[in-house]
mmCIF file of all heavy atoms, coordinates in Angstrom:
data_MODEL
# 
_entry.id   MODEL 
# 
loop_
_atom_site.group_PDB 
_atom_site.id 
_atom_site.type_symbol 
_atom_site.label_atom_id 
_atom_site.label_alt_id 
_atom_site.label_comp_id 
_atom_site.label_asym_id 
_atom_site.label_entity_id 
_atom_site.label_seq_id 
_atom_site.pdbx_PDB_ins_code 
_atom_site.Cartn_x 
_atom_site.Cartn_y 
_atom_site.Cartn_z 
_atom_site.occupancy 
_atom_site.B_iso_or_equiv 
_atom_site.pdbx_formal_charge 
_atom_site.auth_seq_id 
_atom_site.auth_comp_id 
_atom_site.auth_asym_id 
_atom_site.auth_atom_id 
_atom_site.pdbx_PDB_model_num 
ATOM 1   N N   . GLY A 1 1  ? 0.783   -1.230 0.000  1.00 0.00 ? 1  GLY A N   1 
ATOM 2   C CA  . GLY A 1 1  ? 0.000   0.000  0.000  1.00 0.00 ? 1  GLY A CA  1 
ATOM 3   C C   . GLY A 1 1  ? 0.816   1.281  0.000  1.00 0.00 ? 1  GLY A C   1 
ATOM 4   O O   . GLY A 1 1  ? 0.252   2.372  0.004  1.00 0.00 ? 1  GLY A O   1 
ATOM 5   N N   . PHE A 1 2  ? 2.138   1.164  -0.007 1.00 0.00 ? 2  PHE A N   1 
ATOM 6   C CA  . PHE A 1 2  ? 2.982   2.360  -0.053 1.00 0.00 ? 2  PHE A CA  1 
ATOM 7   C C   . PHE A 1 2  ? 2.936   2.972  -1.448 1.00 0.00 ? 2  PHE A C   1 
ATOM 8   O O   . PHE A 1 2  ? 2.823   2.249  -2.440 1.00 0.00 ? 2  PHE A O   1 
ATOM 9   C CB  . PHE A 1 2  ? 4.434   2.012  0.301  1.00 0.00 ? 2  PHE A CB  1 
ATOM 10  C CG  . PHE A 1 2  ? 4.652   1.777  1.760  1.00 0.00 ? 2  PHE A CG  1 
ATOM 11  C CD1 . PHE A 1 2  ? 4.470   0.519  2.314  1.00 0.00 ? 2  PHE A CD1 1 
ATOM 12  C CD2 . PHE A 1 2  ? 5.042   2.817  2.591  1.00 0.00 ? 2  PHE A CD2 1 
ATOM 13  C CE1 . PHE A 1 2  ? 4.678   0.298  3.661  1.00 0.00 ? 2  PHE A CE1 1 
ATOM 14  C CE2 . PHE A 1 2  ? 5.254   2.601  3.944  1.00 0.00 ? 2  PHE A CE2 1 
ATOM 15  C CZ  . PHE A 1 2  ? 5.065   1.333  4.485  1.00 0.00 ? 2  PHE A CZ  1 
ATOM 16  N N   . ARG A 1 3  ? 3.043   4.297  -1.506 1.00 0.00 ? 3  ARG A N   1 
ATOM 17  C CA  . ARG A 1 3  ? 3.142   5.015  -2.778 1.00 0.00 ? 3  ARG A CA  1 
ATOM 18  C C   . ARG A 1 3  ? 4.074   6.201  -2.577 1.00 0.00 ? 3  ARG A C   1 
ATOM 19  O O   . ARG A 1 3  ? 4.366   6.572  -1.438 1.00 0.00 ? 3  ARG A O   1 
ATOM 20  C CB  . ARG A 1 3  ? 1.776   5.434  -3.267 1.00 0.00 ? 3  ARG A CB  1 
ATOM 21  C CG  . ARG A 1 3  ? 1.031   6.358  -2.340 1.00 0.00 ? 3  ARG A CG  1 
ATOM 22  C CD  . ARG A 1 3  ? -0.364  6.577  -2.896 1.00 0.00 ? 3  ARG A CD  1 
ATOM 23  N NE  . ARG A 1 3  ? -1.036  7.623  -2.181 1.00 0.00 ? 3  ARG A NE  1 
ATOM 24  C CZ  . ARG A 1 3  ? -2.301  7.567  -1.827 1.00 0.00 ? 3  ARG A CZ  1 
ATOM 25  N NH1 . ARG A 1 3  ? -3.018  6.516  -2.108 1.00 0.00 ? 3  ARG A NH1 1 
ATOM 26  N NH2 . ARG A 1 3  ? -2.855  8.574  -1.213 1.00 0.00 ? 3  ARG A NH2 1 
ATOM 27  N N   . PRO A 1 4  ? 4.565   6.798  -3.645 1.00 0.00 ? 4  PRO A N   1 
ATOM 28  C CA  . PRO A 1 4  ? 5.471   7.931  -3.470 1.00 0.00 ? 4  PRO A CA  1 
ATOM 29  C C   . PRO A 1 4  ? 4.859   8.983  -2.532 1.00 0.00 ? 4  PRO A C   1 
ATOM 30  O O   . PRO A 1 4  ? 3.709   9.393  -2.703 1.00 0.00 ? 4  PRO A O   1 
ATOM 31  C CB  . PRO A 1 4  ? 5.652   8.469  -4.885 1.00 0.00 ? 4  PRO A CB  1 
ATOM 32  C CG  . PRO A 1 4  ? 5.471   7.261  -5.752 1.00 0.00 ? 4  PRO A CG  1 
ATOM 33  C CD  . PRO A 1 4  ? 4.374   6.472  -5.072 1.00 0.00 ? 4  PRO A CD  1 
ATOM 34  N N   . ALA A 1 5  ? 5.623   9.380  -1.536 1.00 0.00 ? 5  ALA A N   1 
ATOM 35  C CA  . ALA A 1 5  ? 5.137   10.338 -0.539 1.00 0.00 ? 5  ALA A CA  1 
ATOM 36  C C   . ALA A 1 5  ? 4.761   11.667 -1.184 1.00 0.00 ? 5  ALA A C   1 
ATOM 37  O O   . ALA A 1 5  ? 3.867   12.367 -0.707 1.00 0.00 ? 5  ALA A O   1 
ATOM 38  C CB  . ALA A 1 5  ? 6.187   10.543 0.546  1.00 0.00 ? 5  ALA A CB  1 
ATOM 39  N N   . SER A 1 6  ? 5.410   12.001 -2.277 1.00 0.00 ? 6  SER A N   1 
ATOM 40  C CA  . SER A 1 6  ? 5.117   13.269 -2.950 1.00 0.00 ? 6  SER A CA  1 
ATOM 41  C C   . SER A 1 6  ? 3.666   13.324 -3.419 1.00 0.00 ? 6  SER A C   1 
ATOM 42  O O   . SER A 1 6  ? 3.080   14.405 -3.500 1.00 0.00 ? 6  SER A O   1 
ATOM 43  C CB  . SER A 1 6  ? 6.065   13.465 -4.134 1.00 0.00 ? 6  SER A CB  1 
ATOM 44  O OG  . SER A 1 6  ? 5.862   12.439 -5.094 1.00 0.00 ? 6  SER A OG  1 
ATOM 45  N N   . GLN A 1 7  ? 3.071   12.171 -3.710 1.00 0.00 ? 7  GLN A N   1 
ATOM 46  C CA  . GLN A 1 7  ? 1.661   12.135 -4.114 1.00 0.00 ? 7  GLN A CA  1 
ATOM 47  C C   . GLN A 1 7  ? 0.741   12.591 -2.983 1.00 0.00 ? 7  GLN A C   1 
ATOM 48  O O   . GLN A 1 7  ? -0.407  12.958 -3.226 1.00 0.00 ? 7  GLN A O   1 
ATOM 49  C CB  . GLN A 1 7  ? 1.260   10.730 -4.567 1.00 0.00 ? 7  GLN A CB  1 
ATOM 50  C CG  . GLN A 1 7  ? 1.931   10.277 -5.832 1.00 0.00 ? 7  GLN A CG  1 
ATOM 51  C CD  . GLN A 1 7  ? 1.558   8.852  -6.202 1.00 0.00 ? 7  GLN A CD  1 
ATOM 52  O OE1 . GLN A 1 7  ? 0.759   8.188  -5.542 1.00 0.00 ? 7  GLN A OE1 1 
ATOM 53  N NE2 . GLN A 1 7  ? 2.154   8.356  -7.279 1.00 0.00 ? 7  GLN A NE2 1 
ATOM 54  N N   . LEU A 1 8  ? 1.257   12.561 -1.762 1.00 0.00 ? 8  LEU A N   1 
ATOM 55  C CA  . LEU A 1 8  ? 0.485   12.993 -0.598 1.00 0.00 ? 8  LEU A CA  1 
ATOM 56  C C   . LEU A 1 8  ? 0.934   14.362 -0.101 1.00 0.00 ? 8  LEU A C   1 
ATOM 57  O O   . LEU A 1 8  ? 0.528   14.797 0.975  1.00 0.00 ? 8  LEU A O   1 
ATOM 58  C CB  . LEU A 1 8  ? 0.625   11.957 0.528  1.00 0.00 ? 8  LEU A CB  1 
ATOM 59  C CG  . LEU A 1 8  ? 0.175   10.542 0.165  1.00 0.00 ? 8  LEU A CG  1 
ATOM 60  C CD1 . LEU A 1 8  ? 0.569   9.561  1.249  1.00 0.00 ? 8  LEU A CD1 1 
ATOM 61  C CD2 . LEU A 1 8  ? -1.315  10.510 -0.077 1.00 0.00 ? 8  LEU A CD2 1 
ATOM 62  N N   . GLY A 1 9  ? 1.793   15.021 -0.868 1.00 0.00 ? 9  GLY A N   1 
ATOM 63  C CA  . GLY A 1 9  ? 2.284   16.340 -0.462 1.00 0.00 ? 9  GLY A CA  1 
ATOM 64  C C   . GLY A 1 9  ? 3.381   16.291 0.568  1.00 0.00 ? 9  GLY A C   1 
ATOM 65  O O   . GLY A 1 9  ? 3.631   17.264 1.271  1.00 0.00 ? 9  GLY A O   1 
ATOM 66  N N   . ILE A 1 10 ? 4.073   15.157 0.661  1.00 0.00 ? 10 ILE A N   1 
ATOM 67  C CA  . ILE A 1 10 ? 5.153   14.976 1.636  1.00 0.00 ? 10 ILE A CA  1 
ATOM 68  C C   . ILE A 1 10 ? 6.469   14.889 0.885  1.00 0.00 ? 10 ILE A C   1 
ATOM 69  O O   . ILE A 1 10 ? 6.670   13.990 0.052  1.00 0.00 ? 10 ILE A O   1 
ATOM 70  C CB  . ILE A 1 10 ? 4.915   13.712 2.484  1.00 0.00 ? 10 ILE A CB  1 
ATOM 71  C CG1 . ILE A 1 10 ? 3.599   13.855 3.258  1.00 0.00 ? 10 ILE A CG1 1 
ATOM 72  C CG2 . ILE A 1 10 ? 6.092   13.462 3.423  1.00 0.00 ? 10 ILE A CG2 1 
ATOM 73  C CD1 . ILE A 1 10 ? 3.174   12.592 3.977  1.00 0.00 ? 10 ILE A CD1 1 
ATOM 74  N N   . ALA A 1 11 ? 7.369   15.814 1.187  1.00 0.00 ? 11 ALA A N   1 
ATOM 75  C CA  . ALA A 1 11 ? 8.674   15.871 0.520  1.00 0.00 ? 11 ALA A CA  1 
ATOM 76  C C   . ALA A 1 11 ? 9.716   15.111 1.334  1.00 0.00 ? 11 ALA A C   1 
ATOM 77  O O   . ALA A 1 11 ? 9.709   15.137 2.567  1.00 0.00 ? 11 ALA A O   1 
ATOM 78  C CB  . ALA A 1 11 ? 9.104   17.320 0.338  1.00 0.00 ? 11 ALA A CB  1 
ATOM 79  N N   . ALA A 1 12 ? 10.615  14.448 0.642  1.00 0.00 ? 12 ALA A N   1 
ATOM 80  C CA  . ALA A 1 12 ? 11.698  13.698 1.278  1.00 0.00 ? 12 ALA A CA  1 
ATOM 81  C C   . ALA A 1 12 ? 12.632  14.638 2.038  1.00 0.00 ? 12 ALA A C   1 
ATOM 82  O O   . ALA A 1 12 ? 12.743  15.819 1.705  1.00 0.00 ? 12 ALA A O   1 
ATOM 83  C CB  . ALA A 1 12 ? 12.483  12.934 0.216  1.00 0.00 ? 12 ALA A CB  1 
ATOM 84  N N   . PRO A 1 13 ? 13.330  14.115 3.040  1.00 0.00 ? 13 PRO A N   1 
ATOM 85  C CA  . PRO A 1 13 ? 14.260  14.955 3.794  1.00 0.00 ? 13 PRO A CA  1 
ATOM 86  C C   . PRO A 1 13 ? 15.423  15.454 2.954  1.00 0.00 ? 13 PRO A C   1 
ATOM 87  O O   . PRO A 1 13 ? 15.983  16.500 3.221  1.00 0.00 ? 13 PRO A O   1 
ATOM 88  C CB  . PRO A 1 13 ? 14.744  14.051 4.920  1.00 0.00 ? 13 PRO A CB  1 
ATOM 89  C CG  . PRO A 1 13 ? 14.411  12.670 4.498  1.00 0.00 ? 13 PRO A CG  1 
ATOM 90  C CD  . PRO A 1 13 ? 13.276  12.757 3.538  1.00 0.00 ? 13 PRO A CD  1 
ATOM 91  N N   . ASP A 1 14 ? 15.769  14.699 1.925  1.00 0.00 ? 14 ASP A N   1 
ATOM 92  C CA  . ASP A 1 14 ? 16.845  15.077 1.019  1.00 0.00 ? 14 ASP A CA  1 
ATOM 93  C C   . ASP A 1 14 ? 16.258  15.231 -0.376 1.00 0.00 ? 14 ASP A C   1 
ATOM 94  O O   . ASP A 1 14 ? 15.766  14.258 -0.960 1.00 0.00 ? 14 ASP A O   1 
ATOM 95  C CB  . ASP A 1 14 ? 17.926  13.990 1.026  1.00 0.00 ? 14 ASP A CB  1 
ATOM 96  C CG  . ASP A 1 14 ? 19.088  14.279 0.101  1.00 0.00 ? 14 ASP A CG  1 
ATOM 97  O OD1 . ASP A 1 14 ? 19.018  15.242 -0.700 1.00 0.00 ? 14 ASP A OD1 1 
ATOM 98  O OD2 . ASP A 1 14 ? 20.066  13.520 0.161  1.00 0.00 ? 14 ASP A OD2 1 
ATOM 99  N N   . PRO A 1 15 ? 16.289  16.437 -0.937 1.00 0.00 ? 15 PRO A N   1 
ATOM 100 C CA  . PRO A 1 15 ? 15.699  16.638 -2.259 1.00 0.00 ? 15 PRO A CA  1 
ATOM 101 C C   . PRO A 1 15 ? 16.357  15.809 -3.357 1.00 0.00 ? 15 PRO A C   1 
ATOM 102 O O   . PRO A 1 15 ? 15.794  15.652 -4.439 1.00 0.00 ? 15 PRO A O   1 
ATOM 103 C CB  . PRO A 1 15 ? 15.883  18.127 -2.529 1.00 0.00 ? 15 PRO A CB  1 
ATOM 104 C CG  . PRO A 1 15 ? 16.516  18.720 -1.348 1.00 0.00 ? 15 PRO A CG  1 
ATOM 105 C CD  . PRO A 1 15 ? 16.839  17.639 -0.368 1.00 0.00 ? 15 PRO A CD  1 
ATOM 106 N N   . GLU A 1 16 ? 17.529  15.254 -3.089 1.00 0.00 ? 16 GLU A N   1 
ATOM 107 C CA  . GLU A 1 16 ? 18.220  14.418 -4.075 1.00 0.00 ? 16 GLU A CA  1 
ATOM 108 C C   . GLU A 1 16 ? 17.665  12.993 -4.145 1.00 0.00 ? 16 GLU A C   1 
ATOM 109 O O   . GLU A 1 16 ? 17.987  12.250 -5.066 1.00 0.00 ? 16 GLU A O   1 
ATOM 110 C CB  . GLU A 1 16 ? 19.714  14.363 -3.751 1.00 0.00 ? 16 GLU A CB  1 
ATOM 111 C CG  . GLU A 1 16 ? 20.403  15.716 -3.787 1.00 0.00 ? 16 GLU A CG  1 
ATOM 112 C CD  . GLU A 1 16 ? 20.420  16.313 -5.186 1.00 0.00 ? 16 GLU A CD  1 
ATOM 113 O OE1 . GLU A 1 16 ? 20.702  15.575 -6.149 1.00 0.00 ? 16 GLU A OE1 1 
ATOM 114 O OE2 . GLU A 1 16 ? 20.125  17.518 -5.313 1.00 0.00 ? 16 GLU A OE2 1 
ATOM 115 N N   . LEU A 1 17 ? 16.847  12.604 -3.161 1.00 0.00 ? 17 LEU A N   1 
ATOM 116 C CA  . LEU A 1 17 ? 16.290  11.250 -3.175 1.00 0.00 ? 17 LEU A CA  1 
ATOM 117 C C   . LEU A 1 17 ? 15.311  11.107 -4.335 1.00 0.00 ? 17 LEU A C   1 
ATOM 118 O O   . LEU A 1 17 ? 14.445  11.954 -4.529 1.00 0.00 ? 17 LEU A O   1 
ATOM 119 C CB  . LEU A 1 17 ? 15.538  10.962 -1.869 1.00 0.00 ? 17 LEU A CB  1 
ATOM 120 C CG  . LEU A 1 17 ? 16.377  10.670 -0.643 1.00 0.00 ? 17 LEU A CG  1 
ATOM 121 C CD1 . LEU A 1 17 ? 15.493  10.567 0.589  1.00 0.00 ? 17 LEU A CD1 1 
ATOM 122 C CD2 . LEU A 1 17 ? 17.165  9.389  -0.841 1.00 0.00 ? 17 LEU A CD2 1 
ATOM 123 N N   . PRO A 1 18 ? 15.421  10.025 -5.087 1.00 0.00 ? 18 PRO A N   1 
ATOM 124 C CA  . PRO A 1 18 ? 14.456  9.797  -6.165 1.00 0.00 ? 18 PRO A CA  1 
ATOM 125 C C   . PRO A 1 18 ? 13.040  9.646  -5.595 1.00 0.00 ? 18 PRO A C   1 
ATOM 126 O O   . PRO A 1 18 ? 12.839  8.995  -4.567 1.00 0.00 ? 18 PRO A O   1 
ATOM 127 C CB  . PRO A 1 18 ? 14.924  8.487  -6.801 1.00 0.00 ? 18 PRO A CB  1 
ATOM 128 C CG  . PRO A 1 18 ? 16.347  8.341  -6.387 1.00 0.00 ? 18 PRO A CG  1 
ATOM 129 C CD  . PRO A 1 18 ? 16.466  9.010  -5.044 1.00 0.00 ? 18 PRO A CD  1 
ATOM 130 N N   . ASP A 1 19 ? 12.093  10.236 -6.254 1.00 0.00 ? 19 ASP A N   1 
ATOM 131 C CA  . ASP A 1 19 ? 10.705  10.238 -5.801 1.00 0.00 ? 19 ASP A CA  1 
ATOM 132 C C   . ASP A 1 19 ? 10.174  8.830  -5.552 1.00 0.00 ? 19 ASP A C   1 
ATOM 133 O O   . ASP A 1 19 ? 9.449   8.586  -4.591 1.00 0.00 ? 19 ASP A O   1 
ATOM 134 C CB  . ASP A 1 19 ? 9.849   10.960 -6.855 1.00 0.00 ? 19 ASP A CB  1 
ATOM 135 C CG  . ASP A 1 19 ? 8.476   11.309 -6.346 1.00 0.00 ? 19 ASP A CG  1 
ATOM 136 O OD1 . ASP A 1 19 ? 8.377   11.871 -5.241 1.00 0.00 ? 19 ASP A OD1 1 
ATOM 137 O OD2 . ASP A 1 19 ? 7.505   11.011 -7.052 1.00 0.00 ? 19 ASP A OD2 1 
ATOM 138 N N   . GLU A 1 20 ? 10.547  7.886  -6.391 1.00 0.00 ? 20 GLU A N   1 
ATOM 139 C CA  . GLU A 1 20 ? 9.968   6.544  -6.299 1.00 0.00 ? 20 GLU A CA  1 
ATOM 140 C C   . GLU A 1 20 ? 10.477  5.725  -5.118 1.00 0.00 ? 20 GLU A C   1 
ATOM 141 O O   . GLU A 1 20 ? 9.910   4.680  -4.799 1.00 0.00 ? 20 GLU A O   1 
ATOM 142 C CB  . GLU A 1 20 ? 10.181  5.767  -7.608 1.00 0.00 ? 20 GLU A CB  1 
ATOM 143 C CG  . GLU A 1 20 ? 11.616  5.419  -7.918 1.00 0.00 ? 20 GLU A CG  1 
ATOM 144 C CD  . GLU A 1 20 ? 12.367  6.508  -8.683 1.00 0.00 ? 20 GLU A CD  1 
ATOM 145 O OE1 . GLU A 1 20 ? 11.822  7.618  -8.872 1.00 0.00 ? 20 GLU A OE1 1 
ATOM 146 O OE2 . GLU A 1 20 ? 13.506  6.250  -9.086 1.00 0.00 ? 20 GLU A OE2 1 
ATOM 147 N N   . VAL A 1 21 ? 11.529  6.170  -4.426 1.00 0.00 ? 21 VAL A N   1 
ATOM 148 C CA  . VAL A 1 21 ? 12.042  5.390  -3.296 1.00 0.00 ? 21 VAL A CA  1 
ATOM 149 C C   . VAL A 1 21 ? 11.629  5.945  -1.938 1.00 0.00 ? 21 VAL A C   1 
ATOM 150 O O   . VAL A 1 21 ? 11.800  5.275  -0.930 1.00 0.00 ? 21 VAL A O   1 
ATOM 151 C CB  . VAL A 1 21 ? 13.585  5.240  -3.342 1.00 0.00 ? 21 VAL A CB  1 
ATOM 152 C CG1 . VAL A 1 21 ? 14.023  4.574  -4.630 1.00 0.00 ? 21 VAL A CG1 1 
ATOM 153 C CG2 . VAL A 1 21 ? 14.294  6.546  -3.124 1.00 0.00 ? 21 VAL A CG2 1 
ATOM 154 N N   . PHE A 1 22 ? 11.077  7.157  -1.895 1.00 0.00 ? 22 PHE A N   1 
ATOM 155 C CA  . PHE A 1 22 ? 10.599  7.717  -0.633 1.00 0.00 ? 22 PHE A CA  1 
ATOM 156 C C   . PHE A 1 22 ? 9.081   7.621  -0.635 1.00 0.00 ? 22 PHE A C   1 
ATOM 157 O O   . PHE A 1 22 ? 8.396   8.350  -1.335 1.00 0.00 ? 22 PHE A O   1 
ATOM 158 C CB  . PHE A 1 22 ? 11.060  9.167  -0.454 1.00 0.00 ? 22 PHE A CB  1 
ATOM 159 C CG  . PHE A 1 22 ? 10.732  9.713  0.906  1.00 0.00 ? 22 PHE A CG  1 
ATOM 160 C CD1 . PHE A 1 22 ? 11.364  9.216  2.029  1.00 0.00 ? 22 PHE A CD1 1 
ATOM 161 C CD2 . PHE A 1 22 ? 9.774   10.695 1.059  1.00 0.00 ? 22 PHE A CD2 1 
ATOM 162 C CE1 . PHE A 1 22 ? 11.063  9.698  3.293  1.00 0.00 ? 22 PHE A CE1 1 
ATOM 163 C CE2 . PHE A 1 22 ? 9.460   11.187 2.317  1.00 0.00 ? 22 PHE A CE2 1 
ATOM 164 C CZ  . PHE A 1 22 ? 10.102  10.681 3.434  1.00 0.00 ? 22 PHE A CZ  1 
ATOM 165 N N   . MET A 1 23 ? 8.572   6.663  0.153  1.00 0.00 ? 23 MET A N   1 
ATOM 166 C CA  . MET A 1 23 ? 7.155   6.305  0.077  1.00 0.00 ? 23 MET A CA  1 
ATOM 167 C C   . MET A 1 23 ? 6.446   6.475  1.411  1.00 0.00 ? 23 MET A C   1 
ATOM 168 O O   . MET A 1 23 ? 7.072   6.487  2.469  1.00 0.00 ? 23 MET A O   1 
ATOM 169 C CB  . MET A 1 23 ? 7.026   4.861  -0.390 1.00 0.00 ? 23 MET A CB  1 
ATOM 170 C CG  . MET A 1 23 ? 7.492   4.642  -1.816 1.00 0.00 ? 23 MET A CG  1 
ATOM 171 S SD  . MET A 1 23 ? 7.566   2.907  -2.264 1.00 0.00 ? 23 MET A SD  1 
ATOM 172 C CE  . MET A 1 23 ? 9.242   2.527  -1.745 1.00 0.00 ? 23 MET A CE  1 
ATOM 173 N N   . ALA A 1 24 ? 5.131   6.589  1.325  1.00 0.00 ? 24 ALA A N   1 
ATOM 174 C CA  . ALA A 1 24 ? 4.274   6.732  2.498  1.00 0.00 ? 24 ALA A CA  1 
ATOM 175 C C   . ALA A 1 24 ? 3.134   5.732  2.415  1.00 0.00 ? 24 ALA A C   1 
ATOM 176 O O   . ALA A 1 24 ? 2.713   5.330  1.328  1.00 0.00 ? 24 ALA A O   1 
ATOM 177 C CB  . ALA A 1 24 ? 3.707   8.146  2.572  1.00 0.00 ? 24 ALA A CB  1 
ATOM 178 N N   . LEU A 1 25 ? 2.646   5.357  3.574  1.00 0.00 ? 25 LEU A N   1 
ATOM 179 C CA  . LEU A 1 25 ? 1.470   4.501  3.678  1.00 0.00 ? 25 LEU A CA  1 
ATOM 180 C C   . LEU A 1 25 ? 0.425   5.266  4.475  1.00 0.00 ? 25 LEU A C   1 
ATOM 181 O O   . LEU A 1 25 ? 0.572   5.427  5.683  1.00 0.00 ? 25 LEU A O   1 
ATOM 182 C CB  . LEU A 1 25 ? 1.807   3.183  4.382  1.00 0.00 ? 25 LEU A CB  1 
ATOM 183 C CG  . LEU A 1 25 ? 0.634   2.251  4.650  1.00 0.00 ? 25 LEU A CG  1 
ATOM 184 C CD1 . LEU A 1 25 ? 0.065   1.723  3.340  1.00 0.00 ? 25 LEU A CD1 1 
ATOM 185 C CD2 . LEU A 1 25 ? 1.062   1.111  5.542  1.00 0.00 ? 25 LEU A CD2 1 
ATOM 186 N N   . PRO A 1 26 ? -0.597  5.783  3.817  1.00 0.00 ? 26 PRO A N   1 
ATOM 187 C CA  . PRO A 1 26 ? -1.636  6.504  4.560  1.00 0.00 ? 26 PRO A CA  1 
ATOM 188 C C   . PRO A 1 26 ? -2.427  5.544  5.452  1.00 0.00 ? 26 PRO A C   1 
ATOM 189 O O   . PRO A 1 26 ? -2.897  4.517  4.983  1.00 0.00 ? 26 PRO A O   1 
ATOM 190 C CB  . PRO A 1 26 ? -2.536  7.094  3.469  1.00 0.00 ? 26 PRO A CB  1 
ATOM 191 C CG  . PRO A 1 26 ? -1.869  6.830  2.177  1.00 0.00 ? 26 PRO A CG  1 
ATOM 192 C CD  . PRO A 1 26 ? -0.851  5.758  2.391  1.00 0.00 ? 26 PRO A CD  1 
ATOM 193 N N   . LEU A 1 27 ? -2.526  5.885  6.719  1.00 0.00 ? 27 LEU A N   1 
ATOM 194 C CA  . LEU A 1 27 ? -3.286  5.065  7.657  1.00 0.00 ? 27 LEU A CA  1 
ATOM 195 C C   . LEU A 1 27 ? -4.741  5.515  7.678  1.00 0.00 ? 27 LEU A C   1 
ATOM 196 O O   . LEU A 1 27 ? -5.112  6.520  7.071  1.00 0.00 ? 27 LEU A O   1 
ATOM 197 C CB  . LEU A 1 27 ? -2.667  5.179  9.049  1.00 0.00 ? 27 LEU A CB  1 
ATOM 198 C CG  . LEU A 1 27 ? -1.211  4.717  9.155  1.00 0.00 ? 27 LEU A CG  1 
ATOM 199 C CD1 . LEU A 1 27 ? -0.688  4.928  10.568 1.00 0.00 ? 27 LEU A CD1 1 
ATOM 200 C CD2 . LEU A 1 27 ? -1.065  3.265  8.751  1.00 0.00 ? 27 LEU A CD2 1 
ATOM 201 N N   . GLN A 1 28 ? -5.561  4.806  8.415  1.00 0.00 ? 28 GLN A N   1 
ATOM 202 C CA  . GLN A 1 28 ? -6.983  5.129  8.488  1.00 0.00 ? 28 GLN A CA  1 
ATOM 203 C C   . GLN A 1 28 ? -7.210  6.555  8.982  1.00 0.00 ? 28 GLN A C   1 
ATOM 204 O O   . GLN A 1 28 ? -8.117  7.232  8.522  1.00 0.00 ? 28 GLN A O   1 
ATOM 205 C CB  . GLN A 1 28 ? -7.690  4.133  9.402  1.00 0.00 ? 28 GLN A CB  1 
ATOM 206 C CG  . GLN A 1 28 ? -9.192  4.305  9.434  1.00 0.00 ? 28 GLN A CG  1 
ATOM 207 C CD  . GLN A 1 28 ? -9.864  3.228  10.254 1.00 0.00 ? 28 GLN A CD  1 
ATOM 208 O OE1 . GLN A 1 28 ? -9.202  2.403  10.871 1.00 0.00 ? 28 GLN A OE1 1 
ATOM 209 N NE2 . GLN A 1 28 ? -11.170 3.235  10.267 1.00 0.00 ? 28 GLN A NE2 1 
ATOM 210 N N   . SER A 1 29 ? -6.375  7.026  9.887  1.00 0.00 ? 29 SER A N   1 
ATOM 211 C CA  . SER A 1 29 ? -6.547  8.366  10.440 1.00 0.00 ? 29 SER A CA  1 
ATOM 212 C C   . SER A 1 29 ? -5.798  9.437  9.632  1.00 0.00 ? 29 SER A C   1 
ATOM 213 O O   . SER A 1 29 ? -5.646  10.562 10.083 1.00 0.00 ? 29 SER A O   1 
ATOM 214 C CB  . SER A 1 29 ? -6.084  8.402  11.896 1.00 0.00 ? 29 SER A CB  1 
ATOM 215 O OG  . SER A 1 29 ? -4.705  8.078  11.965 1.00 0.00 ? 29 SER A OG  1 
# 
């Protein structure tokens, strides 16, 4: 269920990280 965090408006701590490797899993809340 993880997807690129950028799709949720969350930017990686390092702007050099490729978008596809920094992911988020939105929880129920």
